[in-house]
């Protein structure tokens, strides 16, 4: 198999872990995970989620890493090299990245707006959840403010990606990932020390299986899948920059551990604060932009904690927009023979325009509907419910049934070999060939409304 020459690589194993973890960690861990866990009973959901990460997320990440490292190509080029007939998986990943950036830039812009207003103390001066709700709704429907912040976020992402793999993406990950963990730990400790915070810890860490349903299990499966950015081509693209010495198994394990740790710290940060304020843990998607600002307003030094929290969200969002952008940029650069600057510029201009339209669809363009959904909601629905699970399913089929056993074994155990004598390889093969495809199919059908349980 011929590998592409003169291609950038990450500086080492730690760099590979930090960059890939940055691609996995995002608003899904810090914003979505706590309210989903709150809606599904807390501790029991956390346990199921960890099992899903272990038996679904980890094998799929290993599969994507194997494809990227074997080919040293972007998501589309990797499948072109392995088997051109399966190239549709790569195209689906690139399309998913474009569409997700379309609405993700909008939400990322919201975090930047709230960080600035926390810093100026405007946010914590508001006195009630109702006032915060009105403020939030007025902001997201404003004709130009959210568009400005989304464009600003697109520009920041563009700047980092154009600097290149080592000077831009790797250097940014080395700064942002430690900062993200530092802020999470500081906020978690502060939250757990609040009066009544121990009740939040009990809710989050004590399993109550009477609250577990088939629906909550599928929700945990979906959260574990999406939190690791599987099915996007992102992990294939990042693995294509691995050095020969980078261990796929160890890197995938470390990335999943870091990703799960972020979700755990997010829960330790949010649930004690929610219980301390006497608010229901099942606050839903409004938890971050309406419920938590209300809590910060009642805390001593509330403007400080609010600023740190929304700065944390900005960092998490930026690590994700960088990985999504790089997936598209690498494809345009390698498959369309564009310079990195030209490829990044095309990606930025198109996704920024799509983000502007998605933002406006919540306000002045809300009458424009696609299947009854605003453009913002349509982008979310199509990617989360169709493209990502379908992409994950097809990757399982390709790695489990189409890719030769010896070829994937050579990636997992190079240069030591001996894969056939290792029980771990047999477990991986079983999960990717049988367990993961069945689970992905069930998840895909459930997302489309085919309730099987």
Protein backbone atom coordinates (compact mmCIF):
# COMPACT_ATOMS: atom_id res chain seq x y z
CA UNK A 1 0.00 0.00 0.00
CA UNK A 2 1.52 3.29 -1.10
CA UNK A 3 1.46 6.08 1.45
CA UNK A 4 1.45 9.76 0.63
CA UNK A 5 4.83 11.41 0.86
CA UNK A 6 6.02 14.66 2.50
CA UNK A 7 3.01 14.80 4.78
CA UNK A 8 2.94 16.54 8.14
CA UNK A 9 2.91 14.42 11.30
CA UNK A 10 2.26 15.14 14.96
CA UNK A 11 5.31 15.64 17.14
CA UNK A 12 4.86 12.52 19.28
CA UNK A 13 2.50 10.30 21.25
CA UNK A 14 1.38 12.95 23.71
CA UNK A 15 0.66 15.35 20.88
CA UNK A 16 -1.40 12.69 19.09
CA UNK A 17 -3.45 12.05 22.23
CA UNK A 18 -4.05 15.76 22.96
CA UNK A 19 -5.05 16.60 19.38
CA UNK A 20 -7.34 13.58 19.00
CA UNK A 21 -8.85 14.24 22.44
CA UNK A 22 -9.45 17.82 21.36
CA UNK A 23 -11.32 16.50 18.34
CA UNK A 24 -13.48 14.31 20.57
CA UNK A 25 -14.06 16.67 23.48
CA UNK A 26 -16.52 19.46 22.83
CA UNK A 27 -19.84 20.98 23.84
CA UNK A 28 -21.34 17.49 23.70
CA UNK A 29 -19.35 16.56 26.80
CA UNK A 30 -19.82 19.75 28.81
CA UNK A 31 -23.19 21.04 27.60
CA UNK A 32 -25.12 18.00 26.36
CA UNK A 33 -23.92 15.22 28.68
CA UNK A 34 -25.05 16.81 31.99
CA UNK A 35 -28.58 17.57 30.86
CA UNK A 36 -28.96 14.17 29.17
CA UNK A 37 -27.72 12.48 32.35
CA UNK A 38 -30.12 14.64 34.37
CA UNK A 39 -33.02 13.63 32.14
CA UNK A 40 -32.16 9.93 32.51
CA UNK A 41 -31.63 9.45 36.23
CA UNK A 42 -28.03 10.48 36.90
CA UNK A 43 -25.86 7.69 38.34
CA UNK A 44 -27.41 4.78 36.45
CA UNK A 45 -27.05 6.67 33.17
CA UNK A 46 -23.39 7.43 33.96
CA UNK A 47 -22.63 3.73 34.48
CA UNK A 48 -24.39 2.72 31.25
CA UNK A 49 -22.61 5.52 29.40
CA UNK A 50 -19.18 4.29 30.54
CA UNK A 51 -20.03 0.75 29.39
CA UNK A 52 -21.13 2.13 26.02
CA UNK A 53 -17.85 4.02 25.67
CA UNK A 54 -15.93 0.82 26.40
CA UNK A 55 -17.82 -1.57 24.11
CA UNK A 56 -18.93 0.80 21.32
CA UNK A 57 -16.89 4.00 21.31
CA UNK A 58 -13.43 2.50 21.88
CA UNK A 59 -13.65 -0.20 19.15
CA UNK A 60 -14.98 2.32 16.62
CA UNK A 61 -12.22 4.79 17.45
CA UNK A 62 -9.61 2.05 17.01
CA UNK A 63 -11.20 1.21 13.65
CA UNK A 64 -11.04 4.83 12.45
CA UNK A 65 -7.49 5.29 13.72
CA UNK A 66 -6.45 2.14 11.86
CA UNK A 67 -7.82 3.44 8.56
CA UNK A 68 -6.13 6.82 8.95
CA UNK A 69 -2.74 5.51 10.02
CA UNK A 70 -2.70 2.80 7.33
CA UNK A 71 -3.29 5.25 4.49
CA UNK A 72 -1.94 8.61 5.69
CA UNK A 73 -4.75 10.24 3.77
CA UNK A 74 -7.83 12.35 4.41
CA UNK A 75 -11.22 10.68 5.02
CA UNK A 76 -12.07 10.37 1.32
CA UNK A 77 -8.55 9.57 0.14
CA UNK A 78 -8.22 6.83 2.76
CA UNK A 79 -11.13 4.85 1.32
CA UNK A 80 -9.97 5.59 -2.24
CA UNK A 81 -6.70 3.91 -1.34
CA UNK A 82 -8.19 0.94 0.52
CA UNK A 83 -11.19 0.24 -1.72
CA UNK A 84 -12.60 2.92 -4.04
CA UNK A 85 -16.06 1.32 -3.89
CA UNK A 86 -16.34 2.36 -0.24
CA UNK A 87 -15.38 6.00 -0.85
CA UNK A 88 -18.92 7.08 -0.04
CA UNK A 89 -18.11 6.68 3.67
CA UNK A 90 -15.41 9.32 3.37
CA UNK A 91 -17.63 11.69 1.40
CA UNK A 92 -20.35 11.22 4.01
CA UNK A 93 -17.88 12.16 6.75
CA UNK A 94 -16.76 15.32 4.95
CA UNK A 95 -20.38 16.31 4.28
CA UNK A 96 -21.24 15.70 7.95
CA UNK A 97 -18.36 17.93 9.05
CA UNK A 98 -19.54 20.76 6.79
CA UNK A 99 -23.14 20.53 7.96
CA UNK A 100 -22.22 20.23 11.64
CA UNK A 101 -19.96 23.28 11.37
CA UNK A 102 -22.98 25.10 9.95
CA UNK A 103 -24.85 24.99 13.27
CA UNK A 104 -21.93 24.31 15.64
CA UNK A 105 -20.39 27.70 14.82
CA UNK A 106 -23.68 29.27 15.90
CA UNK A 107 -23.69 27.56 19.31
CA UNK A 108 -19.97 28.28 19.69
CA UNK A 109 -20.75 31.94 19.06
CA UNK A 110 -23.31 31.87 21.86
CA UNK A 111 -20.60 30.72 24.29
CA UNK A 112 -18.35 33.61 23.22
CA UNK A 113 -21.16 36.14 23.76
CA UNK A 114 -21.89 34.75 27.22
CA UNK A 115 -18.19 34.72 28.14
CA UNK A 116 -17.90 38.42 27.29
CA UNK A 117 -21.06 39.35 29.19
CA UNK A 118 -19.86 37.32 32.18
CA UNK A 119 -16.56 39.20 32.13
CA UNK A 120 -18.35 42.56 32.09
CA UNK A 121 -20.69 41.36 34.90
CA UNK A 122 -23.77 42.01 32.73
CA UNK A 123 -24.84 38.38 32.97
CA UNK A 124 -24.76 37.95 36.74
CA UNK A 125 -26.65 41.21 37.32
CA UNK A 126 -29.78 39.55 35.96
CA UNK A 127 -31.86 38.23 38.83
CA UNK A 128 -34.09 35.38 37.67
CA UNK A 129 -34.32 32.44 35.30
CA UNK A 130 -37.15 34.18 33.45
CA UNK A 131 -34.96 37.21 32.80
CA UNK A 132 -32.14 34.92 31.59
CA UNK A 133 -34.58 33.10 29.32
CA UNK A 134 -35.76 36.37 27.79
CA UNK A 135 -32.15 37.54 27.35
CA UNK A 136 -31.14 34.28 25.67
CA UNK A 137 -34.10 34.21 23.29
CA UNK A 138 -33.62 37.88 22.41
CA UNK A 139 -29.95 37.22 21.63
CA UNK A 140 -30.33 34.13 19.42
CA UNK A 141 -33.10 35.82 17.38
CA UNK A 142 -31.18 39.09 16.99
CA UNK A 143 -30.61 39.93 13.30
CA UNK A 144 -26.82 40.37 13.49
CA UNK A 145 -25.25 39.73 16.92
CA UNK A 146 -25.19 35.88 16.82
CA UNK A 147 -24.04 36.02 13.18
CA UNK A 148 -21.15 38.26 14.23
CA UNK A 149 -20.04 35.87 16.98
CA UNK A 150 -20.36 32.81 14.72
CA UNK A 151 -18.25 34.57 12.08
CA UNK A 152 -15.70 35.52 14.73
CA UNK A 153 -15.47 31.88 15.78
CA UNK A 154 -15.07 30.80 12.14
CA UNK A 155 -12.22 33.30 11.74
CA UNK A 156 -10.43 32.03 14.87
CA UNK A 157 -10.77 28.45 13.63
CA UNK A 158 -9.51 29.46 10.18
CA UNK A 159 -6.43 31.14 11.63
CA UNK A 160 -5.37 28.04 13.58
CA UNK A 161 -6.00 25.61 10.71
CA UNK A 162 -4.08 27.72 8.16
CA UNK A 163 -1.02 27.66 10.43
CA UNK A 164 -0.76 23.95 9.65
CA UNK A 165 -0.83 20.62 11.44
CA UNK A 166 2.16 21.20 13.74
CA UNK A 167 2.26 24.98 14.14
CA UNK A 168 -1.50 25.43 14.26
CA UNK A 169 -3.55 22.40 15.31
CA UNK A 170 -0.96 20.62 17.46
CA UNK A 171 0.25 23.79 19.19
CA UNK A 172 -3.32 24.91 19.91
CA UNK A 173 -4.19 21.49 21.40
CA UNK A 174 -1.16 21.61 23.68
CA UNK A 175 -2.41 24.89 25.13
CA UNK A 176 -6.18 24.44 25.10
CA UNK A 177 -6.52 20.89 26.40
CA UNK A 178 -4.55 21.47 29.65
CA UNK A 179 -6.47 24.74 30.15
CA UNK A 180 -9.76 22.93 29.65
CA UNK A 181 -8.93 20.35 32.30
CA UNK A 182 -7.64 23.01 34.69
CA UNK A 183 -10.87 25.04 34.43
CA UNK A 184 -12.99 21.90 34.77
CA UNK A 185 -11.19 20.79 37.92
CA UNK A 186 -11.35 24.26 39.52
CA UNK A 187 -15.07 24.62 38.78
CA UNK A 188 -15.81 21.06 39.91
CA UNK A 189 -14.10 21.57 43.28
CA UNK A 190 -15.88 24.89 43.77
CA UNK A 191 -19.24 23.35 42.89
CA UNK A 192 -18.82 20.36 45.22
CA UNK A 193 -18.05 22.70 48.13
CA UNK A 194 -21.33 24.59 47.74
CA UNK A 195 -23.98 24.13 50.46
CA UNK A 196 -26.16 21.16 49.48
CA UNK A 197 -23.74 20.10 46.76
CA UNK A 198 -23.42 16.63 48.28
CA UNK A 199 -26.96 15.84 47.13
CA UNK A 200 -25.91 16.57 43.58
CA UNK A 201 -22.97 14.19 43.97
CA UNK A 202 -25.30 11.45 45.23
CA UNK A 203 -27.64 11.96 42.28
CA UNK A 204 -24.79 11.82 39.76
CA UNK A 205 -22.71 9.01 41.27
CA UNK A 206 -25.28 6.70 42.90
CA UNK A 207 -26.99 4.39 40.39
CA UNK A 208 -30.77 4.05 40.61
CA UNK A 209 -31.62 1.34 38.10
CA UNK A 210 -35.36 1.79 38.64
CA UNK A 211 -35.02 4.82 36.38
CA UNK A 212 -33.36 2.88 33.55
CA UNK A 213 -35.44 2.21 30.44
CA UNK A 214 -34.65 0.95 26.95
CA UNK A 215 -34.85 4.54 25.79
CA UNK A 216 -32.24 5.68 28.31
CA UNK A 217 -29.90 2.89 27.17
CA UNK A 218 -30.22 4.03 23.54
CA UNK A 219 -29.66 7.61 24.67
CA UNK A 220 -26.45 6.55 26.43
CA UNK A 221 -25.35 4.70 23.27
CA UNK A 222 -25.99 7.79 21.18
CA UNK A 223 -24.19 10.09 23.62
CA UNK A 224 -21.14 7.82 23.78
CA UNK A 225 -21.00 7.65 19.99
CA UNK A 226 -21.39 11.36 19.34
CA UNK A 227 -19.14 12.52 22.19
CA UNK A 228 -16.18 10.72 20.56
CA UNK A 229 -16.82 12.29 17.12
CA UNK A 230 -17.12 8.90 15.46
CA UNK A 231 -18.41 8.68 11.88
CA UNK A 232 -17.21 12.17 10.88
CA UNK A 233 -13.89 11.27 9.32
CA UNK A 234 -12.20 13.44 11.96
CA UNK A 235 -10.42 10.56 13.66
CA UNK A 236 -9.37 9.12 10.29
CA UNK A 237 -7.90 12.50 9.34
CA UNK A 238 -6.09 12.99 12.64
CA UNK A 239 -4.73 9.42 12.63
CA UNK A 240 -3.28 10.08 9.18
CA UNK A 241 -0.86 12.45 10.93
CA UNK A 242 0.32 9.80 13.42
CA UNK A 243 3.99 8.86 13.37
CA UNK A 244 4.90 5.18 12.79
CA UNK A 245 5.73 4.87 16.50
CA UNK A 246 2.26 5.98 17.62
CA UNK A 247 0.28 3.07 19.08
CA UNK A 248 -3.30 3.02 17.81
CA UNK A 249 -4.55 0.98 20.77
CA UNK A 250 -2.91 3.12 23.44
CA UNK A 251 -3.85 6.39 21.78
CA UNK A 252 -7.49 5.34 21.37
CA UNK A 253 -7.64 4.19 24.99
CA UNK A 254 -6.14 7.44 26.27
CA UNK A 255 -8.46 9.56 24.12
CA UNK A 256 -11.58 7.71 25.31
CA UNK A 257 -10.41 7.99 28.92
CA UNK A 258 -9.83 11.74 28.58
CA UNK A 259 -13.16 12.21 26.82
CA UNK A 260 -14.99 10.29 29.54
CA UNK A 261 -13.11 12.19 32.25
CA UNK A 262 -14.32 15.49 30.76
CA UNK A 263 -17.93 14.26 30.86
CA UNK A 264 -17.45 13.08 34.45
CA UNK A 265 -15.95 16.41 35.54
CA UNK A 266 -18.78 18.25 33.77
CA UNK A 267 -21.26 16.30 35.87
CA UNK A 268 -19.28 16.98 39.05
CA UNK A 269 -19.27 20.66 38.13
CA UNK A 270 -22.95 21.06 37.24
CA UNK A 271 -25.04 18.73 39.44
CA UNK A 272 -23.80 19.96 42.85
CA UNK A 273 -24.45 23.55 41.71
CA UNK A 274 -27.91 22.65 40.43
CA UNK A 275 -28.89 20.88 43.67
CA UNK A 276 -27.36 23.65 45.76
CA UNK A 277 -29.68 26.13 44.01
CA UNK A 278 -32.68 23.82 44.42
CA UNK A 279 -33.20 23.38 40.68
CA UNK A 280 -34.38 20.19 38.98
CA UNK A 281 -31.47 18.28 37.38
CA UNK A 282 -33.62 17.54 34.31
CA UNK A 283 -33.43 21.15 33.16
CA UNK A 284 -32.81 20.09 29.58
CA UNK A 285 -30.85 22.00 26.90
CA UNK A 286 -31.52 25.32 28.67
CA UNK A 287 -29.22 24.22 31.52
CA UNK A 288 -26.14 26.10 30.31
CA UNK A 289 -27.56 29.33 28.92
CA UNK A 290 -30.50 29.89 31.30
CA UNK A 291 -30.25 27.77 34.46
CA UNK A 292 -26.52 28.06 35.21
CA UNK A 293 -26.31 31.86 34.74
CA UNK A 294 -29.09 32.11 37.32
CA UNK A 295 -27.00 30.02 39.73
CA UNK A 296 -23.84 32.05 39.08
CA UNK A 297 -25.77 35.22 39.88
CA UNK A 298 -26.49 33.94 43.39
CA UNK A 299 -22.88 32.93 44.14
CA UNK A 300 -20.16 35.02 45.76
CA UNK A 301 -17.76 36.11 42.99
CA UNK A 302 -20.39 34.94 40.52
CA UNK A 303 -18.92 36.97 37.65
CA UNK A 304 -15.57 35.20 38.09
CA UNK A 305 -17.04 31.69 38.08
CA UNK A 306 -19.36 32.55 35.19
CA UNK A 307 -16.48 33.92 33.12
CA UNK A 308 -14.33 30.84 33.78
CA UNK A 309 -17.23 28.54 32.91
CA UNK A 310 -18.03 30.17 29.59
CA UNK A 311 -14.33 30.47 28.75
CA UNK A 312 -14.24 26.69 29.31
CA UNK A 313 -17.10 26.29 26.82
CA UNK A 314 -15.32 28.51 24.29
CA UNK A 315 -12.20 26.33 24.50
CA UNK A 316 -14.23 23.12 24.17
CA UNK A 317 -16.11 24.51 21.17
CA UNK A 318 -12.91 25.70 19.49
CA UNK A 319 -11.19 22.30 19.76
CA UNK A 320 -14.21 20.81 17.97
CA UNK A 321 -14.49 23.44 15.23
CA UNK A 322 -10.78 22.99 14.49
CA UNK A 323 -11.16 19.22 14.03
CA UNK A 324 -14.27 19.58 11.85
CA UNK A 325 -12.58 22.27 9.77
CA UNK A 326 -9.42 20.20 9.34
CA UNK A 327 -11.44 17.21 8.09
CA UNK A 328 -12.80 19.31 5.23
CA UNK A 329 -9.59 21.26 4.62
CA UNK A 330 -7.47 18.09 4.37
CA UNK A 331 -9.94 16.66 1.85
CA UNK A 332 -9.86 19.78 -0.35
CA UNK A 333 -6.08 20.10 -0.07
CA UNK A 334 -5.31 16.51 -1.03
CA UNK A 335 -8.14 15.51 -3.35
CA UNK A 336 -8.54 18.87 -5.14
CA UNK A 337 -4.80 19.76 -5.13
CA UNK A 338 -5.36 23.09 -3.38
CA UNK A 339 -2.87 24.83 -1.13
CA UNK A 340 -3.66 24.61 2.59
CA UNK A 341 -4.52 28.30 2.64
CA UNK A 342 -6.91 28.01 -0.33
CA UNK A 343 -8.52 24.85 1.06
CA UNK A 344 -9.01 26.43 4.48
CA UNK A 345 -10.39 29.61 2.92
CA UNK A 346 -12.98 27.66 0.91
CA UNK A 347 -14.01 25.73 4.03
CA UNK A 348 -14.24 28.86 6.16
CA UNK A 349 -16.22 30.91 3.65
CA UNK A 350 -18.78 28.19 2.97
CA UNK A 351 -19.30 27.10 6.58
CA UNK A 352 -19.41 30.71 7.83
CA UNK A 353 -22.12 31.46 5.25
CA UNK A 354 -24.01 28.31 6.25
CA UNK A 355 -23.61 29.29 9.92
CA UNK A 356 -24.98 32.77 9.22
CA UNK A 357 -28.05 31.31 7.51
CA UNK A 358 -28.51 28.79 10.34
CA UNK A 359 -28.34 31.59 12.89
CA UNK A 360 -30.78 33.78 10.98
CA UNK A 361 -33.17 30.81 10.70
CA UNK A 362 -33.79 31.21 14.45
CA UNK A 363 -34.83 34.83 13.92
CA UNK A 364 -35.56 36.80 10.76
CA UNK A 365 -35.54 33.71 8.53
CA UNK A 366 -37.51 31.43 10.85
CA UNK A 367 -40.31 31.18 8.28
CA UNK A 368 -37.94 29.31 5.96
CA UNK A 369 -38.52 25.65 6.81
CA UNK A 370 -37.07 22.34 5.63
CA UNK A 371 -39.47 19.52 6.40
CA UNK A 372 -41.02 21.73 9.08
CA UNK A 373 -37.64 22.47 10.69
CA UNK A 374 -35.56 25.63 10.73
CA UNK A 375 -32.22 25.36 8.93
CA UNK A 376 -30.47 25.23 12.32
CA UNK A 377 -32.61 22.29 13.50
CA UNK A 378 -32.47 20.57 10.10
CA UNK A 379 -28.66 20.58 10.11
CA UNK A 380 -28.69 19.13 13.62
CA UNK A 381 -31.27 16.46 12.76
CA UNK A 382 -29.72 15.27 9.49
CA UNK A 383 -26.21 14.93 10.91
CA UNK A 384 -27.02 13.53 14.37
CA UNK A 385 -29.81 11.17 13.31
CA UNK A 386 -28.81 10.05 9.81
CA UNK A 387 -25.27 10.79 8.60
CA UNK A 388 -23.26 10.04 11.76
CA UNK A 389 -24.90 6.75 12.79
CA UNK A 390 -24.99 5.59 9.16
CA UNK A 391 -21.31 6.48 8.76
CA UNK A 392 -20.45 4.61 11.96
CA UNK A 393 -22.42 1.57 10.79
CA UNK A 394 -20.66 1.49 7.41
CA UNK A 395 -17.22 1.85 9.04
CA UNK A 396 -18.05 -1.18 11.22
CA UNK A 397 -19.01 -3.19 8.15
CA UNK A 398 -15.91 -2.12 6.23
CA UNK A 399 -13.40 -2.80 9.01
CA UNK A 400 -15.15 -5.93 10.26
CA UNK A 401 -16.00 -7.61 6.95
CA UNK A 402 -14.23 -5.95 4.02
CA UNK A 403 -10.79 -5.03 5.33
CA UNK A 404 -8.48 -8.03 5.52
CA UNK A 405 -7.73 -9.36 8.98
CA UNK A 406 -3.95 -9.27 8.47
CA UNK A 407 -4.00 -5.66 7.28
CA UNK A 408 -5.86 -4.31 10.28
CA UNK A 409 -3.80 -6.51 12.63
CA UNK A 410 -0.61 -5.01 11.20
CA UNK A 411 -1.87 -1.54 12.15
CA UNK A 412 -2.95 -2.49 15.66
CA UNK A 413 0.17 -4.43 16.62
CA UNK A 414 2.94 -2.99 14.47
CA UNK A 415 5.84 -3.45 14.77
CA UNK A 416 5.66 -6.32 17.29
CA UNK A 417 3.13 -8.46 15.42
CA UNK A 418 1.56 -11.55 16.95
CA UNK A 419 -1.98 -10.22 16.71
CA UNK A 420 -3.54 -13.61 16.08
CA UNK A 421 -2.27 -14.88 19.42
CA UNK A 422 -3.71 -11.97 21.40
CA UNK A 423 -7.20 -12.30 22.91
CA UNK A 424 -7.69 -8.53 22.69
CA UNK A 425 -7.63 -8.68 18.89
CA UNK A 426 -10.31 -11.38 18.83
CA UNK A 427 -12.50 -9.29 21.15
CA UNK A 428 -12.00 -6.25 18.93
CA UNK A 429 -12.94 -8.24 15.82
CA UNK A 430 -16.07 -9.60 17.47
CA UNK A 431 -17.19 -6.16 18.62
CA UNK A 432 -16.60 -4.51 15.24
CA UNK A 433 -18.10 -7.35 13.19
CA UNK A 434 -21.18 -8.17 15.27
CA UNK A 435 -21.88 -6.07 18.36
CA UNK A 436 -21.17 -2.55 17.06
CA UNK A 437 -23.07 -2.92 13.74
CA UNK A 438 -26.17 -4.24 15.51
CA UNK A 439 -26.05 -1.44 18.08
CA UNK A 440 -25.49 1.20 15.39
CA UNK A 441 -28.40 -0.17 13.36
CA UNK A 442 -30.72 -0.05 16.39
CA UNK A 443 -29.59 3.48 17.15
CA UNK A 444 -30.08 4.54 13.53
CA UNK A 445 -33.62 3.11 13.40
CA UNK A 446 -34.49 4.67 16.77
CA UNK A 447 -33.29 8.08 15.56
CA UNK A 448 -35.56 7.76 12.55
CA UNK A 449 -38.55 7.08 14.82
CA UNK A 450 -38.73 3.28 14.50
CA UNK A 451 -39.27 2.51 18.17
CA UNK A 452 -38.24 -1.10 18.67
CA UNK A 453 -38.62 -1.17 22.48
